[in-house]
């Protein structure tokens, strides 16, 4: 199981010494109360750390550079309790390199009508101070998240929690290393891309290995270790023999167990967090990795089929962003396969040859072993299940030649009408918003791929915030999408990004 750092977020309050020490004492006291309540809310996925009130250019610069240097700091939350002259923030903001949240709030929920005086007004003027601060951040063209509302409201805390997950995704993006086993599927365009530019933009390292180098790691796995994992499989999953000889079936399952152990050891040794395979180049591997890849995804690794390194990195990124989320419903690699076009029952059947993550499963998860026409190898074992229902988000990162674009589609996952007993793969069925017709047309116009990184546990807002922080284009397809508006948006984006490139 891939582990992640125990990140923290710094809470930095802005003020100045114009109103005297008593006012500053109140500012510090209020900030500490807010941090304590935020941490005790049970809503935030990460701890908030109080920092002394920032008053001067030197203090701000020092604090922001300390945040840069602290490996456990995933971002800074800023709030101007009083008026804080924005020039004091320029050097600190110029040198700051991590996610930034501007929390526009105030300590008191309500105006104290009976007692309010000018001392209170001067001390509690976030409506004034946050605008001064917001101006300089905008003028400096710095990407940040702005959240407005009373800090102790559940809705505001949930938005902070949501941003924290995006911030961790931004930080962890530069730690993603993708191992490509063999190359991209021949003549396929959308899974290709500029790996050098991806490293510049996202921090991803994408490296290729000959398939037989990793196959050697598989072959080195002992029979004892393999047998132990097979027993774990048999205790955890339903076994669907479907007429096959039990011993022969078990041998096929053991091949996947050996692949899982060998792949995971290789990934750990070389420090990779995502992997891509290709059925057209399996070397000495006895089967196309199926159950093995599904299990690796369940452990937190990213995956992309047919050499799709962009989707592999995105799956890993989205698993990072959802890690530790209460009642998480799952995140997976996915592929658009076939439509249901019956009026009122429209949707897309999602699957892949083998590799869908069991974190999205609802109900029993079974092991099947069936022939696969691609790959020219033994019948591979795989996990078979149907997905959960509910709202989710499907994303596609594409390379347009001069820039990356992240396409983000809100989808509604449903149950299919009837069982599909002859289909030996894990499946999901969803209708894209605002409808299959508009959603699919919008996806195609935007250039979306047939592979997606899919999650029940993230929102379009979170993925869009990640794209903004990375400096790339984001295209949303949701309940408000109409084709005329989308075409105009794509034209405007083209002009805006070309202008920016020049």
Protein backbone atom coordinates (compact mmCIF):
# COMPACT_ATOMS: atom_id res chain seq x y z
CA UNK A 1 0.00 0.00 0.00
CA UNK A 2 1.41 3.39 -1.00
CA UNK A 3 1.62 5.75 1.95
CA UNK A 4 1.45 9.53 1.90
CA UNK A 5 2.88 12.21 4.16
CA UNK A 6 0.91 13.57 7.07
CA UNK A 7 0.54 17.02 5.56
CA UNK A 8 -0.35 20.18 7.48
CA UNK A 9 -1.64 23.60 6.45
CA UNK A 10 -0.40 26.87 7.93
CA UNK A 11 -2.90 29.50 9.07
CA UNK A 12 -1.44 32.96 8.52
CA UNK A 13 -3.32 36.04 9.71
CA UNK A 14 -2.49 39.48 8.36
CA UNK A 15 -2.55 42.72 10.32
CA UNK A 16 -0.31 45.72 11.16
CA UNK A 17 0.57 47.73 14.27
CA UNK A 18 -1.51 50.83 13.55
CA UNK A 19 -4.15 50.00 16.18
CA UNK A 20 -1.89 49.08 19.11
CA UNK A 21 -0.90 45.98 21.04
CA UNK A 22 -4.30 45.29 22.55
CA UNK A 23 -5.77 44.95 19.08
CA UNK A 24 -2.94 42.63 18.01
CA UNK A 25 -3.49 40.50 21.09
CA UNK A 26 -7.12 40.10 20.09
CA UNK A 27 -6.13 39.23 16.53
CA UNK A 28 -3.81 36.47 17.74
CA UNK A 29 -6.37 35.17 20.24
CA UNK A 30 -9.10 35.04 17.60
CA UNK A 31 -6.86 33.25 15.12
CA UNK A 32 -5.91 30.62 17.68
CA UNK A 33 -9.57 30.01 18.51
CA UNK A 34 -10.39 29.62 14.83
CA UNK A 35 -7.56 27.16 14.24
CA UNK A 36 -8.55 25.13 17.30
CA UNK A 37 -12.19 24.97 16.22
CA UNK A 38 -11.28 24.06 12.65
CA UNK A 39 -9.11 21.19 13.86
CA UNK A 40 -11.83 19.95 16.22
CA UNK A 41 -14.57 20.16 13.59
CA UNK A 42 -13.90 16.63 12.34
CA UNK A 43 -14.39 17.93 8.81
CA UNK A 44 -10.88 18.85 7.71
CA UNK A 45 -8.74 15.97 6.42
CA UNK A 46 -5.50 17.62 7.53
CA UNK A 47 -4.33 19.61 10.54
CA UNK A 48 -4.24 23.41 10.50
CA UNK A 49 -1.22 24.99 12.21
CA UNK A 50 -1.46 28.47 13.75
CA UNK A 51 1.30 30.92 12.89
CA UNK A 52 2.06 34.27 14.58
CA UNK A 53 0.31 37.29 13.09
CA UNK A 54 2.09 38.66 10.03
CA UNK A 55 2.77 42.39 10.33
CA UNK A 56 5.73 43.31 8.14
CA UNK A 57 7.37 42.58 4.83
CA UNK A 58 10.18 40.69 6.58
CA UNK A 59 7.82 38.53 8.68
CA UNK A 60 5.66 37.64 5.68
CA UNK A 61 8.64 36.79 3.49
CA UNK A 62 10.26 34.67 6.20
CA UNK A 63 7.04 32.76 6.93
CA UNK A 64 6.33 32.02 3.29
CA UNK A 65 9.88 30.80 2.69
CA UNK A 66 9.67 28.60 5.78
CA UNK A 67 6.47 27.15 4.34
CA UNK A 68 8.30 26.47 1.08
CA UNK A 69 11.05 24.63 2.94
CA UNK A 70 8.79 22.58 5.22
CA UNK A 71 8.13 19.25 3.46
CA UNK A 72 5.05 18.64 5.62
CA UNK A 73 3.43 21.97 4.74
CA UNK A 74 1.02 21.47 1.82
CA UNK A 75 -0.27 25.02 1.67
CA UNK A 76 -1.00 28.29 3.44
CA UNK A 77 -4.39 29.69 4.46
CA UNK A 78 -4.33 33.49 4.61
CA UNK A 79 -6.83 35.85 6.23
CA UNK A 80 -6.66 39.58 6.91
CA UNK A 81 -8.24 40.14 10.34
CA UNK A 82 -7.62 43.87 10.12
CA UNK A 83 -6.25 46.06 7.36
CA UNK A 84 -2.90 44.73 6.09
CA UNK A 85 -1.09 46.94 3.56
CA UNK A 86 -0.68 44.84 0.43
CA UNK A 87 2.81 46.03 -0.47
CA UNK A 88 4.02 44.15 2.59
CA UNK A 89 2.97 40.89 0.93
CA UNK A 90 4.69 41.34 -2.43
CA UNK A 91 8.09 39.75 -1.74
CA UNK A 92 6.59 36.88 0.24
CA UNK A 93 4.06 36.13 -2.48
CA UNK A 94 6.73 36.35 -5.19
CA UNK A 95 8.80 33.70 -3.47
CA UNK A 96 5.97 31.45 -2.29
CA UNK A 97 5.68 28.18 -4.25
CA UNK A 98 2.85 26.16 -2.67
CA UNK A 99 -0.98 26.19 -2.82
CA UNK A 100 -2.60 29.33 -1.44
CA UNK A 101 -6.07 29.75 0.06
CA UNK A 102 -7.53 33.17 0.75
CA UNK A 103 -10.17 32.66 3.44
CA UNK A 104 -12.42 35.72 3.36
CA UNK A 105 -14.15 35.62 6.71
CA UNK A 106 -14.30 37.42 10.05
CA UNK A 107 -14.16 36.29 13.64
CA UNK A 108 -17.68 37.44 14.54
CA UNK A 109 -20.69 36.18 12.62
CA UNK A 110 -22.98 39.13 13.38
CA UNK A 111 -22.55 42.89 13.76
CA UNK A 112 -22.81 43.69 17.52
CA UNK A 113 -25.42 46.38 16.97
CA UNK A 114 -25.70 47.55 20.57
CA UNK A 115 -21.99 47.88 21.32
CA UNK A 116 -20.21 48.46 18.04
CA UNK A 117 -17.79 51.40 18.05
CA UNK A 118 -14.76 52.50 16.05
CA UNK A 119 -12.38 50.31 18.03
CA UNK A 120 -14.44 47.27 17.03
CA UNK A 121 -14.61 48.51 13.43
CA UNK A 122 -10.85 48.95 13.20
CA UNK A 123 -10.13 45.58 14.75
CA UNK A 124 -12.65 43.59 12.70
CA UNK A 125 -12.32 44.83 9.16
CA UNK A 126 -11.68 41.78 7.02
CA UNK A 127 -14.19 43.23 4.55
CA UNK A 128 -11.61 45.98 4.08
CA UNK A 129 -8.32 44.14 4.64
CA UNK A 130 -9.12 41.12 2.50
CA UNK A 131 -9.91 43.34 -0.46
CA UNK A 132 -6.53 45.06 -0.18
CA UNK A 133 -4.79 41.70 0.00
CA UNK A 134 -6.95 40.21 -2.77
CA UNK A 135 -6.01 43.09 -5.05
CA UNK A 136 -2.29 42.46 -4.83
CA UNK A 137 -2.65 38.71 -5.38
CA UNK A 138 -4.73 39.39 -8.49
CA UNK A 139 -2.33 42.06 -9.73
CA UNK A 140 0.56 39.63 -9.34
CA UNK A 141 -1.40 37.03 -11.35
CA UNK A 142 -1.02 34.45 -8.60
CA UNK A 143 -3.33 31.45 -8.70
CA UNK A 144 -5.21 30.93 -5.42
CA UNK A 145 -8.49 29.64 -4.06
CA UNK A 146 -10.90 32.15 -2.50
CA UNK A 147 -13.49 30.88 0.00
CA UNK A 148 -16.02 33.33 1.44
CA UNK A 149 -18.24 32.85 4.49
CA UNK A 150 -18.28 32.46 8.26
CA UNK A 151 -15.35 30.27 9.27
CA UNK A 152 -17.35 28.18 11.79
CA UNK A 153 -20.08 27.20 9.31
CA UNK A 154 -20.04 23.59 8.16
CA UNK A 155 -20.35 24.61 4.51
CA UNK A 156 -17.24 26.79 4.71
CA UNK A 157 -15.29 24.09 6.53
CA UNK A 158 -16.30 21.55 3.90
CA UNK A 159 -15.01 23.88 1.18
CA UNK A 160 -11.71 24.26 3.06
CA UNK A 161 -11.52 20.47 3.37
CA UNK A 162 -12.17 20.10 -0.35
CA UNK A 163 -9.42 22.59 -1.19
CA UNK A 164 -6.99 20.80 1.12
CA UNK A 165 -7.37 17.63 -0.95
CA UNK A 166 -6.69 19.59 -4.12
CA UNK A 167 -3.67 21.25 -2.50
CA UNK A 168 -2.22 17.87 -1.57
CA UNK A 169 -2.77 16.77 -5.18
CA UNK A 170 -0.82 19.83 -6.33
CA UNK A 171 2.06 19.06 -3.97
CA UNK A 172 2.10 15.35 -4.68
CA UNK A 173 1.92 15.84 -8.45
CA UNK A 174 5.64 16.54 -8.51
CA UNK A 175 6.25 13.22 -6.73
CA UNK A 176 4.51 11.07 -9.34
CA UNK A 177 6.75 8.74 -11.32
CA UNK A 178 5.17 6.58 -14.04
CA UNK A 179 6.76 3.34 -15.20
CA UNK A 180 5.96 2.43 -18.79
CA UNK A 181 6.21 -1.27 -19.57
CA UNK A 182 6.85 -1.29 -23.32
CA UNK A 183 5.47 1.57 -25.43
CA UNK A 184 2.27 3.19 -26.59
CA UNK A 185 -0.23 1.21 -28.63
CA UNK A 186 0.73 1.57 -32.29
CA UNK A 187 -0.95 4.36 -34.26
CA UNK A 188 -3.08 5.54 -31.30
CA UNK A 189 -2.98 9.32 -30.94
CA UNK A 190 -4.76 10.35 -27.76
CA UNK A 191 -2.66 8.24 -25.39
CA UNK A 192 0.53 9.82 -26.73
CA UNK A 193 1.87 13.16 -25.53
CA UNK A 194 4.88 15.28 -24.66
CA UNK A 195 6.47 13.66 -21.62
CA UNK A 196 9.06 16.42 -21.25
CA UNK A 197 6.37 19.10 -21.17
CA UNK A 198 4.39 17.00 -18.69
CA UNK A 199 7.38 16.98 -16.37
CA UNK A 200 7.74 20.74 -16.74
CA UNK A 201 4.03 21.36 -16.12
CA UNK A 202 3.13 18.67 -13.59
CA UNK A 203 6.43 17.37 -12.24
CA UNK A 204 5.72 13.86 -13.54
CA UNK A 205 8.61 11.59 -14.44
CA UNK A 206 7.66 9.09 -17.14
CA UNK A 207 10.19 6.34 -17.83
CA UNK A 208 10.14 3.28 -20.09
CA UNK A 209 11.44 -0.21 -19.24
CA UNK A 210 11.82 -3.25 -21.49
CA UNK A 211 9.04 -5.64 -20.62
CA UNK A 212 11.43 -8.50 -19.90
CA UNK A 213 13.25 -6.48 -17.26
CA UNK A 214 10.10 -6.40 -15.16
CA UNK A 215 9.28 -9.96 -16.21
CA UNK A 216 12.54 -11.02 -14.53
CA UNK A 217 11.27 -9.50 -11.29
CA UNK A 218 8.09 -11.54 -11.69
CA UNK A 219 10.00 -14.75 -12.31
CA UNK A 220 12.09 -14.11 -9.17
CA UNK A 221 9.02 -14.33 -6.91
CA UNK A 222 9.10 -17.51 -4.86
CA UNK A 223 6.41 -20.17 -5.00
CA UNK A 224 5.80 -19.73 -1.26
CA UNK A 225 5.09 -16.03 -1.65
CA UNK A 226 2.89 -16.70 -4.66
CA UNK A 227 0.91 -19.42 -2.90
CA UNK A 228 0.35 -17.19 0.13
CA UNK A 229 -1.14 -14.46 -2.05
CA UNK A 230 -3.30 -16.97 -3.90
CA UNK A 231 -4.73 -18.07 -0.58
CA UNK A 232 -5.49 -14.44 0.22
CA UNK A 233 -7.33 -14.14 -3.10
CA UNK A 234 -9.36 -17.28 -2.41
CA UNK A 235 -10.34 -16.04 1.05
CA UNK A 236 -11.31 -12.56 -0.16
CA UNK A 237 -13.06 -13.10 -3.49
CA UNK A 238 -15.73 -15.38 -4.91
CA UNK A 239 -14.26 -18.03 -7.22
CA UNK A 240 -16.22 -18.54 -10.45
CA UNK A 241 -14.93 -21.75 -12.00
CA UNK A 242 -17.69 -21.89 -14.63
CA UNK A 243 -16.81 -25.45 -15.57
CA UNK A 244 -13.03 -25.08 -15.49
CA UNK A 245 -10.89 -27.60 -13.65
CA UNK A 246 -10.23 -26.20 -10.14
CA UNK A 247 -6.49 -26.94 -10.20
CA UNK A 248 -6.03 -25.55 -13.69
CA UNK A 249 -8.00 -22.44 -12.67
CA UNK A 250 -5.82 -21.97 -9.61
CA UNK A 251 -2.66 -22.11 -11.72
CA UNK A 252 -3.96 -19.23 -13.83
CA UNK A 253 -4.74 -17.25 -10.69
CA UNK A 254 -1.24 -17.97 -9.37
CA UNK A 255 0.26 -16.34 -12.47
CA UNK A 256 -1.50 -13.10 -11.57
CA UNK A 257 -0.38 -13.39 -7.95
CA UNK A 258 3.22 -13.74 -9.08
CA UNK A 259 2.81 -10.75 -11.40
CA UNK A 260 1.32 -8.63 -8.60
CA UNK A 261 4.19 -9.37 -6.22
CA UNK A 262 6.87 -8.93 -8.89
CA UNK A 263 5.42 -5.70 -10.23
CA UNK A 264 4.96 -4.23 -6.76
CA UNK A 265 8.51 -5.08 -5.71
CA UNK A 266 9.86 -3.54 -8.91
CA UNK A 267 7.77 -0.40 -8.45
CA UNK A 268 8.88 -0.04 -4.83
CA UNK A 269 12.54 -0.63 -5.64
CA UNK A 270 12.53 1.94 -8.46
CA UNK A 271 10.21 4.37 -6.62
CA UNK A 272 7.32 4.49 -9.10
CA UNK A 273 3.72 5.26 -8.16
CA UNK A 274 2.00 4.48 -11.47
CA UNK A 275 2.36 1.90 -14.20
CA UNK A 276 1.24 1.40 -17.79
CA UNK A 277 1.17 -1.87 -19.72
CA UNK A 278 0.43 -2.77 -23.32
CA UNK A 279 -1.13 -6.04 -24.48
CA UNK A 280 0.93 -5.85 -27.68
CA UNK A 281 4.25 -6.27 -25.87
CA UNK A 282 4.18 -8.80 -23.06
CA UNK A 283 7.61 -10.34 -23.51
CA UNK A 284 7.98 -13.44 -21.35
CA UNK A 285 4.95 -12.64 -19.17
CA UNK A 286 2.56 -15.61 -19.23
CA UNK A 287 -0.60 -13.48 -19.06
CA UNK A 288 -1.67 -9.92 -19.63
CA UNK A 289 -1.60 -8.40 -16.13
CA UNK A 290 -5.24 -8.22 -15.04
CA UNK A 291 -6.08 -9.15 -11.48
CA UNK A 292 -2.53 -8.03 -10.58
CA UNK A 293 -3.08 -4.52 -11.92
CA UNK A 294 -6.51 -4.28 -10.30
CA UNK A 295 -4.96 -5.09 -6.94
CA UNK A 296 -2.14 -2.58 -7.46
CA UNK A 297 -4.69 0.14 -8.20
CA UNK A 298 -6.55 -0.82 -5.05
CA UNK A 299 -3.29 -0.24 -3.16
CA UNK A 300 -3.00 3.29 -4.56
CA UNK A 301 -1.00 2.89 -7.76
CA UNK A 302 -2.08 4.68 -10.91
CA UNK A 303 -2.67 2.72 -14.10
CA UNK A 304 -3.20 3.37 -17.79
CA UNK A 305 -3.81 0.79 -20.51
CA UNK A 306 -2.04 0.54 -23.87
CA UNK A 307 0.77 2.85 -22.78
CA UNK A 308 -1.51 5.67 -21.59
CA UNK A 309 0.85 7.36 -19.14
CA UNK A 310 -1.25 10.53 -18.79
CA UNK A 311 -4.25 8.62 -17.46
CA UNK A 312 -1.99 6.50 -15.22
CA UNK A 313 -0.62 9.65 -13.61
CA UNK A 314 -4.10 11.13 -13.24
CA UNK A 315 -5.44 7.98 -11.56
CA UNK A 316 -2.55 8.13 -9.09
CA UNK A 317 -3.14 11.84 -8.52
CA UNK A 318 -6.85 11.34 -7.87
CA UNK A 319 -6.18 8.46 -5.50
CA UNK A 320 -3.84 10.77 -3.57
CA UNK A 321 -6.52 13.45 -3.38
CA UNK A 322 -9.08 11.00 -1.99
CA UNK A 323 -6.81 9.16 0.44
CA UNK A 324 -8.30 8.80 3.90
CA UNK A 325 -11.67 10.17 2.87
CA UNK A 326 -14.47 8.87 5.04
CA UNK A 327 -16.96 6.64 3.19
CA UNK A 328 -14.94 6.87 -0.02
CA UNK A 329 -16.60 5.09 -2.96
CA UNK A 330 -13.55 4.62 -5.15
CA UNK A 331 -11.31 5.86 -7.96
CA UNK A 332 -10.29 3.94 -11.08
CA UNK A 333 -8.96 3.84 -14.60
CA UNK A 334 -11.88 3.49 -17.01
CA UNK A 335 -12.68 3.26 -20.71
CA UNK A 336 -15.76 4.14 -22.76
CA UNK A 337 -16.91 0.96 -24.51
CA UNK A 338 -20.46 0.91 -25.85
CA UNK A 339 -23.70 2.90 -25.68
CA UNK A 340 -27.26 2.22 -24.66
CA UNK A 341 -29.32 4.53 -26.89
CA UNK A 342 -32.83 3.53 -25.77
CA UNK A 343 -34.74 6.79 -25.08
CA UNK A 344 -34.90 7.50 -21.37
CA UNK A 345 -32.28 4.82 -20.64
CA UNK A 346 -29.25 6.35 -22.36
CA UNK A 347 -25.81 5.70 -20.99
CA UNK A 348 -22.27 4.47 -21.61
CA UNK A 349 -21.09 1.03 -20.59
CA UNK A 350 -17.66 1.54 -19.04
CA UNK A 351 -15.09 -1.23 -18.62
CA UNK A 352 -11.71 -2.34 -19.86
CA UNK A 353 -10.24 -5.61 -21.00
CA UNK A 354 -9.34 -6.45 -17.41
CA UNK A 355 -8.07 -3.51 -15.41
CA UNK A 356 -10.77 -1.73 -13.38
CA UNK A 357 -10.06 -0.91 -9.73
CA UNK A 358 -12.13 -2.86 -7.17
CA UNK A 359 -12.42 0.21 -4.92
CA UNK A 360 -15.45 1.18 -7.03
CA UNK A 361 -17.15 -2.21 -6.64
CA UNK A 362 -20.57 -2.72 -5.11
CA UNK A 363 -21.61 -6.21 -4.12
CA UNK A 364 -19.56 -9.37 -4.65
CA UNK A 365 -16.14 -9.28 -6.29
CA UNK A 366 -15.34 -12.48 -8.16
CA UNK A 367 -12.33 -14.01 -9.89
CA UNK A 368 -12.90 -15.24 -13.42
CA UNK A 369 -10.45 -16.83 -15.82
CA UNK A 370 -11.36 -16.53 -19.49
CA UNK A 371 -9.65 -16.27 -22.86
CA UNK A 372 -8.57 -12.86 -24.14
CA UNK A 373 -8.05 -12.38 -27.86
CA UNK A 374 -5.46 -9.60 -27.36
CA UNK A 375 -2.00 -10.43 -26.11
CA UNK A 376 -1.65 -14.02 -27.40
CA UNK A 377 -1.04 -15.43 -23.93
CA UNK A 378 -2.70 -17.72 -21.39
CA UNK A 379 -6.26 -16.98 -20.28
CA UNK A 380 -5.79 -14.19 -17.72
CA UNK A 381 -7.50 -14.13 -14.33
CA UNK A 382 -9.35 -10.95 -13.48
CA UNK A 383 -11.70 -9.48 -10.87
CA UNK A 384 -15.27 -9.07 -12.05
CA UNK A 385 -17.87 -6.82 -10.41
CA UNK A 386 -20.31 -3.99 -11.02
CA UNK A 387 -19.70 -0.46 -9.83
CA UNK A 388 -21.46 1.62 -7.23
CA UNK A 389 -24.15 4.10 -8.20
CA UNK A 390 -24.20 7.83 -7.66
CA UNK A 391 -22.60 11.03 -8.87
CA UNK A 392 -18.98 10.95 -9.98
CA UNK A 393 -16.47 12.79 -12.13
CA UNK A 394 -14.66 11.51 -15.22
CA UNK A 395 -11.53 13.33 -16.39
CA UNK A 396 -9.36 13.21 -19.48
CA UNK A 397 -5.99 14.93 -19.77
CA UNK A 398 -5.08 15.52 -23.41
CA UNK A 399 -2.10 17.03 -25.20
CA UNK A 400 -3.16 19.54 -27.88
CA UNK A 401 0.37 20.12 -29.13
CA UNK A 402 0.75 23.62 -27.72
CA UNK A 403 -0.85 22.96 -24.32
CA UNK A 404 -2.53 20.42 -22.08
CA UNK A 405 -6.29 20.45 -21.53
CA UNK A 406 -8.14 18.73 -18.68
CA UNK A 407 -11.70 17.76 -19.61
CA UNK A 408 -13.94 17.27 -16.58
CA UNK A 409 -17.36 15.64 -16.93
CA UNK A 410 -19.93 15.19 -14.18
CA UNK A 411 -21.53 11.77 -14.63
CA UNK A 412 -24.34 9.83 -12.98
CA UNK A 413 -23.56 6.14 -12.39
CA UNK A 414 -26.50 3.76 -12.58
CA UNK A 415 -27.30 0.08 -12.55
CA UNK A 416 -27.78 -1.63 -15.88
CA UNK A 417 -31.24 -3.04 -16.51
CA UNK A 418 -30.18 -6.64 -16.84
CA UNK A 419 -27.25 -8.88 -15.87
CA UNK A 420 -24.53 -9.44 -18.47
CA UNK A 421 -23.49 -13.05 -17.70
CA UNK A 422 -21.26 -13.43 -20.75
CA UNK A 423 -19.23 -10.26 -20.13
CA UNK A 424 -16.17 -11.31 -18.06
CA UNK A 425 -15.00 -7.86 -16.96
CA UNK A 426 -15.75 -5.28 -14.28
CA UNK A 427 -18.21 -2.64 -15.47
CA UNK A 428 -19.74 0.71 -14.70
CA UNK A 429 -22.67 2.36 -16.47
CA UNK A 430 -23.10 6.10 -16.49
CA UNK A 431 -24.93 8.94 -18.16
CA UNK A 432 -22.82 12.06 -18.64
CA UNK A 433 -24.34 15.40 -17.74
CA UNK A 434 -26.32 17.13 -19.07
CA UNK A 435 -27.39 14.17 -21.24
CA UNK A 436 -25.75 11.45 -23.28
CA UNK A 437 -26.28 13.35 -26.52
CA UNK A 438 -24.93 16.71 -25.32
CA UNK A 439 -22.30 15.24 -23.03
CA UNK A 440 -20.82 12.96 -25.69
CA UNK A 441 -20.88 15.72 -28.33
CA UNK A 442 -19.18 18.12 -25.93
CA UNK A 443 -16.57 15.49 -25.01
CA UNK A 444 -15.74 14.89 -28.67
CA UNK A 445 -15.59 18.61 -29.49
CA UNK A 446 -13.20 19.13 -26.57
CA UNK A 447 -10.99 16.28 -27.81
CA UNK A 448 -11.54 13.95 -24.86
CA UNK A 449 -9.92 10.50 -24.83
CA UNK A 450 -11.58 7.09 -24.61
CA UNK A 451 -9.67 6.47 -21.36
CA UNK A 452 -10.62 8.36 -18.21
CA UNK A 453 -9.48 8.80 -14.65
CA UNK A 454 -12.72 8.40 -12.74
CA UNK A 455 -13.74 9.01 -9.12
CA UNK A 456 -16.85 9.05 -6.97
CA UNK A 457 -15.00 11.03 -4.32
CA UNK A 458 -13.85 14.17 -6.12
CA UNK A 459 -15.69 17.10 -7.67
CA UNK A 460 -15.31 19.07 -10.86
CA UNK A 461 -14.36 22.07 -8.73
CA UNK A 462 -11.46 20.21 -7.14
CA UNK A 463 -10.14 18.98 -10.48
CA UNK A 464 -10.54 22.41 -12.02
CA UNK A 465 -8.64 23.99 -9.13
CA UNK A 466 -5.83 21.49 -9.71
CA UNK A 467 -5.73 22.38 -13.41
CA UNK A 468 -5.65 26.10 -12.59
CA UNK A 469 -2.74 25.58 -10.19
CA UNK A 470 -0.89 23.67 -12.91
CA UNK A 471 -1.48 26.50 -15.37
CA UNK A 472 -3.43 24.39 -17.86
CA UNK A 473 -6.81 24.70 -19.52
CA UNK A 474 -9.87 23.13 -17.90
CA UNK A 475 -13.09 22.39 -19.79
CA UNK A 476 -16.17 21.51 -17.75
CA UNK A 477 -19.05 19.40 -19.07
CA UNK A 478 -21.95 19.47 -16.63
CA UNK A 479 -25.64 20.22 -16.20
CA UNK A 480 -25.16 23.75 -17.56
CA UNK A 481 -23.35 22.73 -20.75
CA UNK A 482 -24.82 23.62 -24.11
CA UNK A 483 -23.02 23.08 -27.40
CA UNK A 484 -23.18 26.67 -28.66
CA UNK A 485 -21.67 27.95 -25.42
CA UNK A 486 -19.03 25.21 -25.34
CA UNK A 487 -17.89 25.96 -28.89
CA UNK A 488 -17.46 29.60 -27.98
CA UNK A 489 -15.57 28.65 -24.81
CA UNK A 490 -13.19 26.45 -26.78
CA UNK A 491 -12.57 29.31 -29.25
CA UNK A 492 -11.93 31.79 -26.45
CA UNK A 493 -9.63 29.34 -24.67
CA UNK A 494 -7.68 28.82 -27.88
CA UNK A 495 -7.15 32.55 -28.23
CA UNK A 496 -6.34 33.08 -24.56
CA UNK A 497 -3.75 30.30 -24.37
CA UNK A 498 -2.13 31.30 -27.67
CA UNK A 499 -1.88 34.89 -26.41
CA UNK A 500 -0.33 33.63 -23.21
CA UNK A 501 2.19 31.51 -25.14
CA UNK A 502 3.29 34.52 -27.15
